[in-house]
Amino acid sequence: MRYSYTTRHGKAEIVQTSRGWEVLFDGEALGTYTSPHTAVEELSEGTCYWPSAGNPASFGISDDLSDWSQARF
Protein backbone atom coordinates (compact mmCIF):
# COMPACT_ATOMS: atom_id res chain seq x y z
CA MET A 1 0.00 0.00 0.00
CA ARG A 2 1.21 3.49 -0.80
CA TYR A 3 -0.23 6.93 -0.07
CA SER A 4 1.01 10.07 -1.83
CA TYR A 5 0.37 13.80 -1.50
CA THR A 6 1.86 16.42 -3.79
CA THR A 7 2.67 19.93 -2.59
CA ARG A 8 4.44 22.83 -4.28
CA HIS A 9 7.51 21.81 -2.25
CA GLY A 10 7.54 18.21 -3.47
CA LYS A 11 5.88 14.82 -3.11
CA ALA A 12 5.17 13.17 0.23
CA GLU A 13 4.68 9.42 0.36
CA ILE A 14 3.76 6.90 3.03
CA VAL A 15 4.74 3.39 1.98
CA GLN A 16 4.00 0.09 3.68
CA THR A 17 7.18 -1.95 4.19
CA SER A 18 8.09 -5.04 6.18
CA ARG A 19 9.24 -2.70 9.00
CA GLY A 20 6.05 -0.61 9.12
CA TRP A 21 4.97 2.59 7.33
CA GLU A 22 7.85 4.60 5.91
CA VAL A 23 7.53 8.35 5.31
CA LEU A 24 9.35 9.76 2.26
CA PHE A 25 9.56 13.28 0.90
CA ASP A 26 10.98 13.54 -2.61
CA GLY A 27 12.67 10.21 -1.98
CA GLU A 28 14.21 11.20 1.38
CA ALA A 29 13.37 8.75 4.18
CA LEU A 30 12.00 10.63 7.18
CA GLY A 31 11.05 7.79 9.53
CA THR A 32 9.11 4.57 9.99
CA TYR A 33 5.85 4.36 11.94
CA THR A 34 3.42 1.68 13.16
CA SER A 35 0.45 3.00 11.17
CA PRO A 36 -0.21 5.29 8.20
CA HIS A 37 -2.30 7.53 10.47
CA THR A 38 0.62 8.10 12.83
CA ALA A 39 2.92 8.69 9.87
CA VAL A 40 0.67 11.34 8.30
CA GLU A 41 0.17 13.05 11.65
CA GLU A 42 3.91 13.26 12.33
CA LEU A 43 4.62 14.50 8.80
CA SER A 44 1.85 17.12 8.71
CA GLU A 45 2.87 18.45 12.15
CA GLY A 46 6.58 18.48 11.30
CA THR A 47 7.45 16.22 14.23
CA CYS A 48 9.21 13.67 11.99
CA TYR A 49 12.70 14.14 10.60
CA TRP A 50 12.68 17.13 8.26
CA PRO A 51 13.49 16.77 4.57
CA SER A 52 16.13 19.02 3.01
CA ALA A 53 13.24 21.19 1.71
CA GLY A 54 12.53 22.36 5.27
CA ASN A 55 9.79 22.01 7.88
CA PRO A 56 7.02 19.82 6.45
CA ALA A 57 4.48 21.52 8.75
CA SER A 58 4.76 24.57 6.49
CA PHE A 59 4.07 22.60 3.27
CA GLY A 60 0.28 22.37 3.65
CA ILE A 61 0.27 18.57 3.90
CA SER A 62 -3.15 17.27 4.91
CA ASP A 63 -3.34 15.22 8.10
CA ASP A 64 -6.39 13.40 6.70
CA LEU A 65 -5.43 10.26 4.74
CA SER A 66 -8.64 10.49 2.72
CA ASP A 67 -7.09 13.57 1.04
CA TRP A 68 -4.09 11.49 -0.09
CA SER A 69 -3.90 9.40 -3.28
CA GLN A 70 -3.86 5.69 -2.51
CA ALA A 71 -2.35 2.83 -4.52
CA ARG A 72 -1.82 -0.87 -3.93
CA PHE A 73 1.25 -2.66 -5.16
C-alpha atoms as a PDB file:
ATOM      1  CA  MET A   1       0.000   0.000   0.000  1.00  0.00           C
ATOM      2  CA  ARG A   2       1.206   3.492  -0.802  1.00  0.00           C
ATOM      3  CA  TYR A   3      -0.230   6.928  -0.069  1.00  0.00           C
ATOM      4  CA  SER A   4       1.006  10.072  -1.830  1.00  0.00           C
ATOM      5  CA  TYR A   5       0.366  13.799  -1.500  1.00  0.00           C
ATOM      6  CA  THR A   6       1.863  16.419  -3.792  1.00  0.00           C
ATOM      7  CA  THR A   7       2.674  19.925  -2.591  1.00  0.00           C
ATOM      8  CA  ARG A   8       4.436  22.835  -4.283  1.00  0.00           C
ATOM      9  CA  HIS A   9       7.506  21.808  -2.249  1.00  0.00           C
ATOM     10  CA  GLY A  10       7.539  18.212  -3.471  1.00  0.00           C
ATOM     11  CA  LYS A  11       5.883  14.817  -3.113  1.00  0.00           C
ATOM     12  CA  ALA A  12       5.168  13.169   0.235  1.00  0.00           C
ATOM     13  CA  GLU A  13       4.681   9.415   0.362  1.00  0.00           C
ATOM     14  CA  ILE A  14       3.764   6.901   3.030  1.00  0.00           C
ATOM     15  CA  VAL A  15       4.736   3.390   1.976  1.00  0.00           C
ATOM     16  CA  GLN A  16       4.001   0.091   3.684  1.00  0.00           C
ATOM     17  CA  THR A  17       7.176  -1.950   4.190  1.00  0.00           C
ATOM     18  CA  SER A  18       8.089  -5.039   6.180  1.00  0.00           C
ATOM     19  CA  ARG A  19       9.244  -2.697   8.997  1.00  0.00           C
ATOM     20  CA  GLY A  20       6.049  -0.606   9.117  1.00  0.00           C
ATOM     21  CA  TRP A  21       4.973   2.590   7.332  1.00  0.00           C
ATOM     22  CA  GLU A  22       7.851   4.597   5.910  1.00  0.00           C
ATOM     23  CA  VAL A  23       7.534   8.354   5.313  1.00  0.00           C
ATOM     24  CA  LEU A  24       9.346   9.762   2.264  1.00  0.00           C
ATOM     25  CA  PHE A  25       9.557  13.281   0.900  1.00  0.00           C
ATOM     26  CA  ASP A  26      10.975  13.543  -2.612  1.00  0.00           C
ATOM     27  CA  GLY A  27      12.671  10.207  -1.976  1.00  0.00           C
ATOM     28  CA  GLU A  28      14.213  11.202   1.379  1.00  0.00           C
ATOM     29  CA  ALA A  29      13.372   8.750   4.177  1.00  0.00           C
ATOM     30  CA  LEU A  30      11.998  10.626   7.184  1.00  0.00           C
ATOM     31  CA  GLY A  31      11.052   7.795   9.525  1.00  0.00           C
ATOM     32  CA  THR A  32       9.105   4.572   9.994  1.00  0.00           C
ATOM     33  CA  TYR A  33       5.847   4.355  11.944  1.00  0.00           C
ATOM     34  CA  THR A  34       3.421   1.685  13.157  1.00  0.00           C
ATOM     35  CA  SER A  35       0.455   3.001  11.170  1.00  0.00           C
ATOM     36  CA  PRO A  36      -0.211   5.291   8.197  1.00  0.00           C
ATOM     37  CA  HIS A  37      -2.301   7.526  10.473  1.00  0.00           C
ATOM     38  CA  THR A  38       0.619   8.099  12.835  1.00  0.00           C
ATOM     39  CA  ALA A  39       2.916   8.694   9.874  1.00  0.00           C
ATOM     40  CA  VAL A  40       0.669  11.336   8.299  1.00  0.00           C
ATOM     41  CA  GLU A  41       0.165  13.050  11.652  1.00  0.00           C
ATOM     42  CA  GLU A  42       3.911  13.256  12.330  1.00  0.00           C
ATOM     43  CA  LEU A  43       4.617  14.504   8.804  1.00  0.00           C
ATOM     44  CA  SER A  44       1.854  17.122   8.706  1.00  0.00           C
ATOM     45  CA  GLU A  45       2.870  18.450  12.148  1.00  0.00           C
ATOM     46  CA  GLY A  46       6.577  18.481  11.298  1.00  0.00           C
ATOM     47  CA  THR A  47       7.453  16.216  14.231  1.00  0.00           C
ATOM     48  CA  CYS A  48       9.212  13.673  11.991  1.00  0.00           C
ATOM     49  CA  TYR A  49      12.705  14.144  10.603  1.00  0.00           C
ATOM     50  CA  TRP A  50      12.678  17.127   8.260  1.00  0.00           C
ATOM     51  CA  PRO A  51      13.492  16.775   4.575  1.00  0.00           C
ATOM     52  CA  SER A  52      16.130  19.025   3.014  1.00  0.00           C
ATOM     53  CA  ALA A  53      13.243  21.192   1.707  1.00  0.00           C
ATOM     54  CA  GLY A  54      12.526  22.362   5.273  1.00  0.00           C
ATOM     55  CA  ASN A  55       9.789  22.007   7.883  1.00  0.00           C
ATOM     56  CA  PRO A  56       7.018  19.818   6.454  1.00  0.00           C
ATOM     57  CA  ALA A  57       4.481  21.517   8.752  1.00  0.00           C
ATOM     58  CA  SER A  58       4.763  24.573   6.492  1.00  0.00           C
ATOM     59  CA  PHE A  59       4.069  22.599   3.268  1.00  0.00           C
ATOM     60  CA  GLY A  60       0.282  22.374   3.646  1.00  0.00           C
ATOM     61  CA  ILE A  61       0.274  18.571   3.896  1.00  0.00           C
ATOM     62  CA  SER A  62      -3.148  17.267   4.908  1.00  0.00           C
ATOM     63  CA  ASP A  63      -3.344  15.218   8.103  1.00  0.00           C
ATOM     64  CA  ASP A  64      -6.393  13.396   6.701  1.00  0.00           C
ATOM     65  CA  LEU A  65      -5.426  10.264   4.739  1.00  0.00           C
ATOM     66  CA  SER A  66      -8.641  10.493   2.718  1.00  0.00           C
ATOM     67  CA  ASP A  67      -7.089  13.572   1.039  1.00  0.00           C
ATOM     68  CA  TRP A  68      -4.094  11.493  -0.094  1.00  0.00           C
ATOM     69  CA  SER A  69      -3.899   9.401  -3.283  1.00  0.00           C
ATOM     70  CA  GLN A  70      -3.860   5.689  -2.512  1.00  0.00           C
ATOM     71  CA  ALA A  71      -2.347   2.833  -4.520  1.00  0.00           C
ATOM     72  CA  ARG A  72      -1.824  -0.870  -3.931  1.00  0.00           C
ATOM     73  CA  PHE A  73       1.248  -2.663  -5.159  1.00  0.00           C
END
